[in-house]
């Protein structure tokens, strides 16, 4: 049965001819602790599979490696969730860079919702487009934020295209609690039982009889 590296005793790897040497045994016991410590650190080498566990300093290094730092999106990320989303989708962003899809996608990864209107949709000059940012989260808006959004669009759009308008809508989210209650009841009056109607019944027998008597007198023949 296979075992993990942490379950391996270094003494088992020593040739049998010297395995019982006290000096060798002492050396393997001393190295065993270092060996286990190295095993614990191996997991830290696996950076990409542990992206959701990394803290901000390492995330910043990965953003620099993926060309996502600064105005390329990093400065507009509201938190680590958006930062991790950018790094995870870095390949997709750079593969589609130079298209309006990339512009729209990077806004989505930053937790923003943007609507892009091409020139033929609003009667503008050929090769131009307008961007409306319908939601920027809870970051707020100032001049620096506006300039970062402008540079973000310029970074991912096609070089031949030009943005003629950037409109930003400020929205806020709040938790609205609603509650309702209904109280119902019914009043029932119970009176003592009483007889409202009296019904009498009995057995009726009917009979009929008829009796007839006839007297006949016979005289001698005369």
Foldseek 3Di string as FASTA:
>chain_A
DDDDPLPDQVLVVDDPVCSPPPVVVVVSVVVNVVSVVVVVCVVVVPPVVCVVVDDDVVLQVLCVVLVCPDLLQNVLAPDSQLSSLCSVCSVVLVVQFAAVVSLQVSCVSSVWHKDKAACVRPVHDHQEIEMETEESAPPDDDPVNVVSNVVNCVRRHHPSHYYDYYHYDYDYDDDDDDDDDDDDDDDDDDDDDDDDDDDDDDDDDDDDDDDDDDDDDDDDDD
